[in-house]
């Protein structure tokens, strides 16, 4: 097998591709399998990206070494990185022998590499370890960081919960024009998979949180907004069975509960500027840290770059 070329920046090669981050872990393998199937569904090229950060991995040890010893350590780590990428290539060939596949090894932090790739990629796919929210915030999360900064939609493959009894996709909707790319993404995925779509709008009022909302309950104006937000998409995707739902409670909590019974949960992401992301709590990040299963984070209209 040919060794992948080591590069520091190659975003142009990702144009229109589905890019998946690989690192040899079971979490990355989960993302790898999802990305390969998605590439088959969309008939798109798949790029496997492994970010090798020799400075970050060897800083402490390398400081104690000199000359040839330090170089040999770096060579060993790079060989291991190439082996990891080669193993991922073999796995994809088993899943989708006919896929157009590319692979790339880069010398940089994985967060930087994936966010850079998002500037030209059609979709990013990453794995997640499933840490609890507090520990995840303390230790940092590649998946959350990438989903918050990426310019294209990002799919985070978290450890699954209970097996869904009925295959479906769930999308959180607020009825705003900015959320249309989020809803469109959900409709497209439901159409490709031939599964029903649940469009959920959450609201908060002085009643028991998470109390069920019947078909004749809930604020009338919210029902109208929810129906109007999907009207055009129903015409564009007539094959998709749509279920509109209102749910009482905090948005992130309701969506996290819904993720356990969905094949894919789709949420939007606001706050384009990095400073705004630091100043405002992100619903998408809260969902990513706690949801079971696969979550797609889609930039809203003012963030999204069409490609």
C-alpha atoms as a PDB file:
ATOM      1  CA  UNK A   1       0.000   0.000   0.000  1.00  0.00           C
ATOM      2  CA  UNK A   2       1.283   3.439  -0.882  1.00  0.00           C
ATOM      3  CA  UNK A   3       2.148   5.603   2.069  1.00  0.00           C
ATOM      4  CA  UNK A   4      -0.038   8.688   2.499  1.00  0.00           C
ATOM      5  CA  UNK A   5       1.748  11.915   1.815  1.00  0.00           C
ATOM      6  CA  UNK A   6       2.395  14.058   4.880  1.00  0.00           C
ATOM      7  CA  UNK A   7       1.127  17.593   4.369  1.00  0.00           C
ATOM      8  CA  UNK A   8       0.558  20.642   6.479  1.00  0.00           C
ATOM      9  CA  UNK A   9      -2.329  22.119   4.461  1.00  0.00           C
ATOM     10  CA  UNK A  10      -4.348  20.629   1.614  1.00  0.00           C
ATOM     11  CA  UNK A  11      -7.875  21.977   1.893  1.00  0.00           C
ATOM     12  CA  UNK A  12      -8.382  22.207  -1.861  1.00  0.00           C
ATOM     13  CA  UNK A  13      -8.338  18.413  -2.218  1.00  0.00           C
ATOM     14  CA  UNK A  14     -11.451  18.157   0.003  1.00  0.00           C
ATOM     15  CA  UNK A  15     -13.795  20.127  -2.249  1.00  0.00           C
ATOM     16  CA  UNK A  16     -17.183  18.418  -2.223  1.00  0.00           C
ATOM     17  CA  UNK A  17     -15.839  15.440  -0.277  1.00  0.00           C
ATOM     18  CA  UNK A  18     -17.094  13.793   2.867  1.00  0.00           C
ATOM     19  CA  UNK A  19     -14.144  14.058   5.262  1.00  0.00           C
ATOM     20  CA  UNK A  20     -13.820  11.737   8.250  1.00  0.00           C
ATOM     21  CA  UNK A  21     -11.299  12.059  11.065  1.00  0.00           C
ATOM     22  CA  UNK A  22      -9.486   8.813  11.930  1.00  0.00           C
ATOM     23  CA  UNK A  23      -7.185   8.008  14.854  1.00  0.00           C
ATOM     24  CA  UNK A  24      -7.441   4.228  15.300  1.00  0.00           C
ATOM     25  CA  UNK A  25      -9.863   4.359  18.238  1.00  0.00           C
ATOM     26  CA  UNK A  26     -13.192   2.540  18.379  1.00  0.00           C
ATOM     27  CA  UNK A  27     -14.905   5.951  18.396  1.00  0.00           C
ATOM     28  CA  UNK A  28     -13.179   6.960  15.165  1.00  0.00           C
ATOM     29  CA  UNK A  29     -14.011   3.565  13.648  1.00  0.00           C
ATOM     30  CA  UNK A  30     -17.686   4.216  14.397  1.00  0.00           C
ATOM     31  CA  UNK A  31     -17.410   7.502  12.512  1.00  0.00           C
ATOM     32  CA  UNK A  32     -15.475   5.813   9.699  1.00  0.00           C
ATOM     33  CA  UNK A  33     -18.243   3.263   9.122  1.00  0.00           C
ATOM     34  CA  UNK A  34     -20.926   5.989   9.170  1.00  0.00           C
ATOM     35  CA  UNK A  35     -18.986   8.187   6.748  1.00  0.00           C
ATOM     36  CA  UNK A  36     -18.381   5.323   4.309  1.00  0.00           C
ATOM     37  CA  UNK A  37     -22.091   4.492   4.185  1.00  0.00           C
ATOM     38  CA  UNK A  38     -22.943   8.180   3.785  1.00  0.00           C
ATOM     39  CA  UNK A  39     -20.491   8.510   0.909  1.00  0.00           C
ATOM     40  CA  UNK A  40     -22.240   5.583  -0.784  1.00  0.00           C
ATOM     41  CA  UNK A  41     -25.655   7.179  -0.233  1.00  0.00           C
ATOM     42  CA  UNK A  42     -24.552  10.530  -1.643  1.00  0.00           C
ATOM     43  CA  UNK A  43     -22.226   9.154  -4.343  1.00  0.00           C
ATOM     44  CA  UNK A  44     -19.452  11.424  -3.100  1.00  0.00           C
ATOM     45  CA  UNK A  45     -15.702  10.908  -2.634  1.00  0.00           C
ATOM     46  CA  UNK A  46     -14.566  10.036   0.886  1.00  0.00           C
ATOM     47  CA  UNK A  47     -11.391  11.504   2.387  1.00  0.00           C
ATOM     48  CA  UNK A  48      -9.798   9.908   5.447  1.00  0.00           C
ATOM     49  CA  UNK A  49      -7.916  12.508   7.452  1.00  0.00           C
ATOM     50  CA  UNK A  50      -5.458  11.628  10.209  1.00  0.00           C
ATOM     51  CA  UNK A  51      -3.861  14.571  11.988  1.00  0.00           C
ATOM     52  CA  UNK A  52      -0.460  13.749  13.432  1.00  0.00           C
ATOM     53  CA  UNK A  53       0.723  16.325  15.952  1.00  0.00           C
ATOM     54  CA  UNK A  54       4.344  15.403  16.806  1.00  0.00           C
ATOM     55  CA  UNK A  55       4.908  18.478  18.971  1.00  0.00           C
ATOM     56  CA  UNK A  56       1.859  17.894  21.137  1.00  0.00           C
ATOM     57  CA  UNK A  57       2.524  14.172  21.541  1.00  0.00           C
ATOM     58  CA  UNK A  58       6.230  14.267  22.212  1.00  0.00           C
ATOM     59  CA  UNK A  59       6.895  17.608  23.890  1.00  0.00           C
ATOM     60  CA  UNK A  60       7.738  16.256  27.338  1.00  0.00           C
ATOM     61  CA  UNK A  61       9.663  13.206  26.143  1.00  0.00           C
ATOM     62  CA  UNK A  62      11.486  14.998  23.350  1.00  0.00           C
ATOM     63  CA  UNK A  63      12.808  17.652  25.690  1.00  0.00           C
ATOM     64  CA  UNK A  64      14.825  14.913  27.417  1.00  0.00           C
ATOM     65  CA  UNK A  65      16.272  13.600  24.159  1.00  0.00           C
ATOM     66  CA  UNK A  66      18.917  14.992  21.869  1.00  0.00           C
ATOM     67  CA  UNK A  67      20.007  14.617  18.265  1.00  0.00           C
ATOM     68  CA  UNK A  68      19.377  11.216  16.674  1.00  0.00           C
ATOM     69  CA  UNK A  69      17.296   9.953  19.613  1.00  0.00           C
ATOM     70  CA  UNK A  70      14.748  12.709  19.190  1.00  0.00           C
ATOM     71  CA  UNK A  71      14.561  12.191  15.422  1.00  0.00           C
ATOM     72  CA  UNK A  72      14.082   8.468  15.875  1.00  0.00           C
ATOM     73  CA  UNK A  73      11.197   9.089  18.276  1.00  0.00           C
ATOM     74  CA  UNK A  74       9.489  11.330  15.727  1.00  0.00           C
ATOM     75  CA  UNK A  75      10.060   8.757  12.960  1.00  0.00           C
ATOM     76  CA  UNK A  76       8.487   6.043  15.099  1.00  0.00           C
ATOM     77  CA  UNK A  77       5.441   8.151  15.866  1.00  0.00           C
ATOM     78  CA  UNK A  78       5.039   9.050  12.211  1.00  0.00           C
ATOM     79  CA  UNK A  79       5.248   5.385  11.177  1.00  0.00           C
ATOM     80  CA  UNK A  80       2.534   4.606  13.735  1.00  0.00           C
ATOM     81  CA  UNK A  81       0.402   7.403  12.314  1.00  0.00           C
ATOM     82  CA  UNK A  82       0.789   6.054   8.792  1.00  0.00           C
ATOM     83  CA  UNK A  83      -0.109   2.565   9.992  1.00  0.00           C
ATOM     84  CA  UNK A  84      -3.254   3.945  11.627  1.00  0.00           C
ATOM     85  CA  UNK A  85      -4.306   5.586   8.382  1.00  0.00           C
ATOM     86  CA  UNK A  86      -3.510   2.473   6.332  1.00  0.00           C
ATOM     87  CA  UNK A  87      -5.681   0.371   8.662  1.00  0.00           C
ATOM     88  CA  UNK A  88      -8.567   2.840   8.207  1.00  0.00           C
ATOM     89  CA  UNK A  89      -8.178   2.621   4.416  1.00  0.00           C
ATOM     90  CA  UNK A  90      -8.458  -1.186   4.609  1.00  0.00           C
ATOM     91  CA  UNK A  91     -11.631  -0.940   6.691  1.00  0.00           C
ATOM     92  CA  UNK A  92     -13.289   1.385   4.191  1.00  0.00           C
ATOM     93  CA  UNK A  93     -12.395  -0.936   1.308  1.00  0.00           C
ATOM     94  CA  UNK A  94     -14.255  -3.705   3.122  1.00  0.00           C
ATOM     95  CA  UNK A  95     -17.325  -1.515   3.735  1.00  0.00           C
ATOM     96  CA  UNK A  96     -17.517   0.092   0.290  1.00  0.00           C
ATOM     97  CA  UNK A  97     -15.189  -1.503  -2.276  1.00  0.00           C
ATOM     98  CA  UNK A  98     -16.407   0.815  -5.025  1.00  0.00           C
ATOM     99  CA  UNK A  99     -16.007   4.091  -3.126  1.00  0.00           C
ATOM    100  CA  UNK A 100     -13.769   6.819  -4.459  1.00  0.00           C
ATOM    101  CA  UNK A 101     -11.430   7.233  -1.509  1.00  0.00           C
ATOM    102  CA  UNK A 102      -8.575   9.574  -0.634  1.00  0.00           C
ATOM    103  CA  UNK A 103      -6.388   9.591   2.458  1.00  0.00           C
ATOM    104  CA  UNK A 104      -4.254  12.271   4.018  1.00  0.00           C
ATOM    105  CA  UNK A 105      -1.832  12.579   6.919  1.00  0.00           C
ATOM    106  CA  UNK A 106      -1.166  16.095   8.205  1.00  0.00           C
ATOM    107  CA  UNK A 107       1.271  17.490  10.764  1.00  0.00           C
ATOM    108  CA  UNK A 108      -1.030  19.559  12.936  1.00  0.00           C
ATOM    109  CA  UNK A 109      -3.563  19.477  15.740  1.00  0.00           C
ATOM    110  CA  UNK A 110      -6.670  17.449  14.734  1.00  0.00           C
ATOM    111  CA  UNK A 111      -9.010  20.327  15.568  1.00  0.00           C
ATOM    112  CA  UNK A 112      -7.144  22.655  13.236  1.00  0.00           C
ATOM    113  CA  UNK A 113      -6.937  20.033  10.468  1.00  0.00           C
ATOM    114  CA  UNK A 114     -10.649  19.229  10.517  1.00  0.00           C
ATOM    115  CA  UNK A 115     -11.812  22.834  10.758  1.00  0.00           C
ATOM    116  CA  UNK A 116      -9.477  23.716   7.883  1.00  0.00           C
ATOM    117  CA  UNK A 117     -10.899  20.852   5.832  1.00  0.00           C
ATOM    118  CA  UNK A 118     -14.432  22.138   6.491  1.00  0.00           C
ATOM    119  CA  UNK A 119     -13.787  25.209   4.342  1.00  0.00           C
ATOM    120  CA  UNK A 120     -14.114  23.068   1.202  1.00  0.00           C
ATOM    121  CA  UNK A 121     -15.653  19.789   2.427  1.00  0.00           C
ATOM    122  CA  UNK A 122     -19.306  18.882   1.875  1.00  0.00           C
ATOM    123  CA  UNK A 123     -19.551  17.167   5.280  1.00  0.00           C
ATOM    124  CA  UNK A 124     -17.288  16.389   8.245  1.00  0.00           C
ATOM    125  CA  UNK A 125     -17.670  13.179  10.274  1.00  0.00           C
ATOM    126  CA  UNK A 126     -15.960  12.612  13.635  1.00  0.00           C
ATOM    127  CA  UNK A 127     -16.233  10.201  16.541  1.00  0.00           C
ATOM    128  CA  UNK A 128     -16.785  11.052  20.202  1.00  0.00           C
ATOM    129  CA  UNK A 129     -15.853   9.248  23.374  1.00  0.00           C
ATOM    130  CA  UNK A 130     -19.119   9.854  25.184  1.00  0.00           C
ATOM    131  CA  UNK A 131     -17.733  11.597  28.272  1.00  0.00           C
ATOM    132  CA  UNK A 132     -20.100  13.275  30.677  1.00  0.00           C
ATOM    133  CA  UNK A 133     -20.685  16.973  30.172  1.00  0.00           C
ATOM    134  CA  UNK A 134     -18.556  18.258  33.079  1.00  0.00           C
ATOM    135  CA  UNK A 135     -15.574  16.070  32.352  1.00  0.00           C
ATOM    136  CA  UNK A 136     -15.899  16.790  28.642  1.00  0.00           C
ATOM    137  CA  UNK A 137     -15.729  20.531  29.256  1.00  0.00           C
ATOM    138  CA  UNK A 138     -12.717  20.161  31.530  1.00  0.00           C
ATOM    139  CA  UNK A 139     -10.718  17.892  29.229  1.00  0.00           C
ATOM    140  CA  UNK A 140     -11.796  19.441  25.974  1.00  0.00           C
ATOM    141  CA  UNK A 141     -13.501  17.664  23.099  1.00  0.00           C
ATOM    142  CA  UNK A 142     -12.277  17.507  19.520  1.00  0.00           C
ATOM    143  CA  UNK A 143     -15.793  16.721  18.292  1.00  0.00           C
ATOM    144  CA  UNK A 144     -17.437  19.655  20.079  1.00  0.00           C
ATOM    145  CA  UNK A 145     -14.693  22.080  19.044  1.00  0.00           C
ATOM    146  CA  UNK A 146     -14.917  21.027  15.400  1.00  0.00           C
ATOM    147  CA  UNK A 147     -18.733  21.138  15.338  1.00  0.00           C
ATOM    148  CA  UNK A 148     -18.665  24.663  16.803  1.00  0.00           C
ATOM    149  CA  UNK A 149     -16.104  26.010  14.327  1.00  0.00           C
ATOM    150  CA  UNK A 150     -16.659  24.057  11.093  1.00  0.00           C
ATOM    151  CA  UNK A 151     -17.960  25.867   8.024  1.00  0.00           C
ATOM    152  CA  UNK A 152     -19.859  22.818   6.754  1.00  0.00           C
ATOM    153  CA  UNK A 153     -22.241  20.438   8.569  1.00  0.00           C
ATOM    154  CA  UNK A 154     -20.539  18.134  11.068  1.00  0.00           C
ATOM    155  CA  UNK A 155     -21.767  14.683  12.045  1.00  0.00           C
ATOM    156  CA  UNK A 156     -20.625  13.461  15.465  1.00  0.00           C
ATOM    157  CA  UNK A 157     -20.944   9.704  15.992  1.00  0.00           C
ATOM    158  CA  UNK A 158     -21.380   9.261  19.722  1.00  0.00           C
ATOM    159  CA  UNK A 159     -21.811   5.902  21.483  1.00  0.00           C
ATOM    160  CA  UNK A 160     -25.327   4.631  20.743  1.00  0.00           C
ATOM    161  CA  UNK A 161     -28.090   4.387  23.329  1.00  0.00           C
ATOM    162  CA  UNK A 162     -30.940   1.916  23.076  1.00  0.00           C
ATOM    163  CA  UNK A 163     -31.706   0.604  19.609  1.00  0.00           C
ATOM    164  CA  UNK A 164     -34.433   2.747  18.003  1.00  0.00           C
ATOM    165  CA  UNK A 165     -37.725   0.836  17.731  1.00  0.00           C
ATOM    166  CA  UNK A 166     -38.651   2.784  14.566  1.00  0.00           C
ATOM    167  CA  UNK A 167     -36.048   4.197  12.189  1.00  0.00           C
ATOM    168  CA  UNK A 168     -36.424   7.984  12.031  1.00  0.00           C
ATOM    169  CA  UNK A 169     -34.577  11.294  11.915  1.00  0.00           C
ATOM    170  CA  UNK A 170     -35.322  14.095  14.385  1.00  0.00           C
ATOM    171  CA  UNK A 171     -34.598  17.774  13.746  1.00  0.00           C
ATOM    172  CA  UNK A 172     -34.943  20.684  16.136  1.00  0.00           C
ATOM    173  CA  UNK A 173     -36.713  23.645  14.507  1.00  0.00           C
ATOM    174  CA  UNK A 174     -37.463  27.170  15.700  1.00  0.00           C
ATOM    175  CA  UNK A 175     -39.329  28.375  12.617  1.00  0.00           C
ATOM    176  CA  UNK A 176     -36.813  31.078  11.701  1.00  0.00           C
ATOM    177  CA  UNK A 177     -35.468  31.602   8.189  1.00  0.00           C
ATOM    178  CA  UNK A 178     -31.964  31.075   9.572  1.00  0.00           C
ATOM    179  CA  UNK A 179     -32.863  27.468  10.448  1.00  0.00           C
ATOM    180  CA  UNK A 180     -33.904  26.522   6.897  1.00  0.00           C
ATOM    181  CA  UNK A 181     -30.513  24.909   6.034  1.00  0.00           C
ATOM    182  CA  UNK A 182     -30.887  22.766   9.173  1.00  0.00           C
ATOM    183  CA  UNK A 183     -34.363  21.570   8.188  1.00  0.00           C
ATOM    184  CA  UNK A 184     -33.284  21.020   4.586  1.00  0.00           C
ATOM    185  CA  UNK A 185     -30.359  18.865   5.758  1.00  0.00           C
ATOM    186  CA  UNK A 186     -32.762  16.731   7.835  1.00  0.00           C
ATOM    187  CA  UNK A 187     -35.219  16.329   4.942  1.00  0.00           C
ATOM    188  CA  UNK A 188     -32.421  15.298   2.573  1.00  0.00           C
ATOM    189  CA  UNK A 189     -31.143  12.672   4.996  1.00  0.00           C
ATOM    190  CA  UNK A 190     -34.640  11.294   5.603  1.00  0.00           C
ATOM    191  CA  UNK A 191     -35.240  11.111   1.842  1.00  0.00           C
ATOM    192  CA  UNK A 192     -31.946   9.313   1.188  1.00  0.00           C
ATOM    193  CA  UNK A 193     -32.639   6.767   3.918  1.00  0.00           C
ATOM    194  CA  UNK A 194     -36.376   6.412   3.208  1.00  0.00           C
ATOM    195  CA  UNK A 195     -37.239   7.003   6.886  1.00  0.00           C
ATOM    196  CA  UNK A 196     -39.792   9.335   8.519  1.00  0.00           C
ATOM    197  CA  UNK A 197     -38.767  12.750   9.836  1.00  0.00           C
ATOM    198  CA  UNK A 198     -39.847  14.263  13.149  1.00  0.00           C
ATOM    199  CA  UNK A 199     -39.680  18.069  13.184  1.00  0.00           C
ATOM    200  CA  UNK A 200     -39.659  19.202  16.802  1.00  0.00           C
ATOM    201  CA  UNK A 201     -40.209  22.668  18.229  1.00  0.00           C
ATOM    202  CA  UNK A 202     -39.537  23.145  21.947  1.00  0.00           C
ATOM    203  CA  UNK A 203     -41.165  25.759  24.142  1.00  0.00           C
ATOM    204  CA  UNK A 204     -41.121  26.663  27.807  1.00  0.00           C
ATOM    205  CA  UNK A 205     -44.088  27.670  29.921  1.00  0.00           C
ATOM    206  CA  UNK A 206     -45.200  27.353  33.539  1.00  0.00           C
ATOM    207  CA  UNK A 207     -46.283  23.728  33.317  1.00  0.00           C
ATOM    208  CA  UNK A 208     -44.456  20.525  34.188  1.00  0.00           C
ATOM    209  CA  UNK A 209     -41.333  20.340  32.055  1.00  0.00           C
ATOM    210  CA  UNK A 210     -41.267  17.565  29.447  1.00  0.00           C
ATOM    211  CA  UNK A 211     -45.019  17.029  29.866  1.00  0.00           C
ATOM    212  CA  UNK A 212     -46.494  15.462  26.714  1.00  0.00           C
ATOM    213  CA  UNK A 213     -48.188  17.757  24.246  1.00  0.00           C
ATOM    214  CA  UNK A 214     -51.270  16.338  22.549  1.00  0.00           C
ATOM    215  CA  UNK A 215     -52.316  17.103  18.959  1.00  0.00           C
ATOM    216  CA  UNK A 216     -54.773  19.763  20.155  1.00  0.00           C
ATOM    217  CA  UNK A 217     -52.520  21.237  22.820  1.00  0.00           C
ATOM    218  CA  UNK A 218     -49.757  23.866  22.804  1.00  0.00           C
ATOM    219  CA  UNK A 219     -49.768  27.499  21.723  1.00  0.00           C
ATOM    220  CA  UNK A 220     -51.618  27.960  18.432  1.00  0.00           C
ATOM    221  CA  UNK A 221     -49.048  30.411  17.047  1.00  0.00           C
ATOM    222  CA  UNK A 222     -46.253  27.870  17.591  1.00  0.00           C
ATOM    223  CA  UNK A 223     -48.179  25.235  15.666  1.00  0.00           C
ATOM    224  CA  UNK A 224     -48.616  27.662  12.782  1.00  0.00           C
ATOM    225  CA  UNK A 225     -44.902  28.586  12.796  1.00  0.00           C
ATOM    226  CA  UNK A 226     -43.890  24.927  12.852  1.00  0.00           C
ATOM    227  CA  UNK A 227     -46.210  24.047   9.964  1.00  0.00           C
ATOM    228  CA  UNK A 228     -45.049  27.016   7.899  1.00  0.00           C
ATOM    229  CA  UNK A 229     -41.379  26.215   8.521  1.00  0.00           C
ATOM    230  CA  UNK A 230     -41.674  22.869   6.709  1.00  0.00           C
ATOM    231  CA  UNK A 231     -44.296  23.674   4.054  1.00  0.00           C
ATOM    232  CA  UNK A 232     -41.830  24.298   1.226  1.00  0.00           C
ATOM    233  CA  UNK A 233     -39.698  21.295   2.176  1.00  0.00           C
ATOM    234  CA  UNK A 234     -42.699  18.984   2.043  1.00  0.00           C
ATOM    235  CA  UNK A 235     -43.163  20.028  -1.577  1.00  0.00           C
ATOM    236  CA  UNK A 236     -39.474  19.487  -2.355  1.00  0.00           C
ATOM    237  CA  UNK A 237     -39.368  16.105  -0.600  1.00  0.00           C
ATOM    238  CA  UNK A 238     -42.821  14.551  -1.164  1.00  0.00           C
ATOM    239  CA  UNK A 239     -41.449  11.086  -0.349  1.00  0.00           C
ATOM    240  CA  UNK A 240     -40.656  12.018   3.273  1.00  0.00           C
ATOM    241  CA  UNK A 241     -43.256  11.216   5.924  1.00  0.00           C
ATOM    242  CA  UNK A 242     -43.273  14.173   8.343  1.00  0.00           C
ATOM    243  CA  UNK A 243     -44.406  14.291  11.960  1.00  0.00           C
ATOM    244  CA  UNK A 244     -44.651  17.748  13.537  1.00  0.00           C
ATOM    245  CA  UNK A 245     -44.231  17.809  17.314  1.00  0.00           C
ATOM    246  CA  UNK A 246     -44.337  20.464  20.023  1.00  0.00           C
ATOM    247  CA  UNK A 247     -42.474  19.663  23.232  1.00  0.00           C
ATOM    248  CA  UNK A 248     -42.366  21.513  26.547  1.00  0.00           C
ATOM    249  CA  UNK A 249     -38.983  21.926  28.210  1.00  0.00           C
ATOM    250  CA  UNK A 250     -35.458  23.186  27.728  1.00  0.00           C
ATOM    251  CA  UNK A 251     -34.376  22.728  24.131  1.00  0.00           C
ATOM    252  CA  UNK A 252     -31.159  20.809  24.784  1.00  0.00           C
ATOM    253  CA  UNK A 253     -32.817  18.497  27.312  1.00  0.00           C
ATOM    254  CA  UNK A 254     -35.730  17.656  25.023  1.00  0.00           C
ATOM    255  CA  UNK A 255     -33.454  17.010  22.056  1.00  0.00           C
ATOM    256  CA  UNK A 256     -31.077  14.860  24.099  1.00  0.00           C
ATOM    257  CA  UNK A 257     -34.036  12.715  25.159  1.00  0.00           C
ATOM    258  CA  UNK A 258     -35.151  12.446  21.532  1.00  0.00           C
ATOM    259  CA  UNK A 259     -31.694  11.407  20.304  1.00  0.00           C
ATOM    260  CA  UNK A 260     -31.889   8.056  22.096  1.00  0.00           C
ATOM    261  CA  UNK A 261     -34.767   6.932  19.858  1.00  0.00           C
ATOM    262  CA  UNK A 262     -33.501   8.389  16.565  1.00  0.00           C
ATOM    263  CA  UNK A 263     -31.078   7.203  13.911  1.00  0.00           C
ATOM    264  CA  UNK A 264     -29.901  10.786  13.512  1.00  0.00           C
ATOM    265  CA  UNK A 265     -30.548  13.954  15.491  1.00  0.00           C
ATOM    266  CA  UNK A 266     -30.086  17.213  13.547  1.00  0.00           C
ATOM    267  CA  UNK A 267     -29.513  20.511  15.350  1.00  0.00           C
ATOM    268  CA  UNK A 268     -28.576  23.997  14.237  1.00  0.00           C
ATOM    269  CA  UNK A 269     -25.630  26.111  15.285  1.00  0.00           C
ATOM    270  CA  UNK A 270     -25.636  29.868  15.708  1.00  0.00           C
ATOM    271  CA  UNK A 271     -23.003  32.474  16.653  1.00  0.00           C
ATOM    272  CA  UNK A 272     -20.740  32.818  13.672  1.00  0.00           C
ATOM    273  CA  UNK A 273     -18.038  34.829  15.404  1.00  0.00           C
ATOM    274  CA  UNK A 274     -15.674  33.041  17.785  1.00  0.00           C
ATOM    275  CA  UNK A 275     -16.132  35.729  20.448  1.00  0.00           C
ATOM    276  CA  UNK A 276     -19.893  35.177  20.381  1.00  0.00           C
ATOM    277  CA  UNK A 277     -19.377  31.451  20.874  1.00  0.00           C
ATOM    278  CA  UNK A 278     -17.449  32.148  24.059  1.00  0.00           C
ATOM    279  CA  UNK A 279     -19.999  34.620  25.396  1.00  0.00           C
ATOM    280  CA  UNK A 280     -23.121  32.585  24.682  1.00  0.00           C
ATOM    281  CA  UNK A 281     -23.873  29.044  25.786  1.00  0.00           C
ATOM    282  CA  UNK A 282     -24.316  26.770  22.763  1.00  0.00           C
ATOM    283  CA  UNK A 283     -27.312  24.502  22.599  1.00  0.00           C
ATOM    284  CA  UNK A 284     -25.517  22.345  20.024  1.00  0.00           C
ATOM    285  CA  UNK A 285     -22.525  21.835  22.342  1.00  0.00           C
ATOM    286  CA  UNK A 286     -24.834  20.876  25.221  1.00  0.00           C
ATOM    287  CA  UNK A 287     -26.550  18.297  23.030  1.00  0.00           C
ATOM    288  CA  UNK A 288     -23.241  16.914  21.762  1.00  0.00           C
ATOM    289  CA  UNK A 289     -21.887  16.371  25.254  1.00  0.00           C
ATOM    290  CA  UNK A 290     -24.905  14.369  26.439  1.00  0.00           C
ATOM    291  CA  UNK A 291     -26.800  12.818  23.555  1.00  0.00           C
ATOM    292  CA  UNK A 292     -26.576   9.132  22.731  1.00  0.00           C
ATOM    293  CA  UNK A 293     -26.181   8.169  19.091  1.00  0.00           C
ATOM    294  CA  UNK A 294     -25.364  10.229  16.019  1.00  0.00           C
ATOM    295  CA  UNK A 295     -25.811  14.014  15.966  1.00  0.00           C
ATOM    296  CA  UNK A 296     -25.504  16.345  12.971  1.00  0.00           C
ATOM    297  CA  UNK A 297     -24.658  19.992  13.692  1.00  0.00           C
ATOM    298  CA  UNK A 298     -25.605  22.244  10.775  1.00  0.00           C
ATOM    299  CA  UNK A 299     -24.553  25.914  10.561  1.00  0.00           C
ATOM    300  CA  UNK A 300     -27.562  28.170  10.209  1.00  0.00           C
ATOM    301  CA  UNK A 301     -28.115  30.394   7.173  1.00  0.00           C
ATOM    302  CA  UNK A 302     -25.743  33.222   8.098  1.00  0.00           C
ATOM    303  CA  UNK A 303     -22.977  30.713   8.860  1.00  0.00           C
ATOM    304  CA  UNK A 304     -23.380  28.235   6.031  1.00  0.00           C
ATOM    305  CA  UNK A 305     -21.041  28.219   3.035  1.00  0.00           C
ATOM    306  CA  UNK A 306     -22.690  26.585   0.007  1.00  0.00           C
ATOM    307  CA  UNK A 307     -20.555  24.019  -1.849  1.00  0.00           C
END
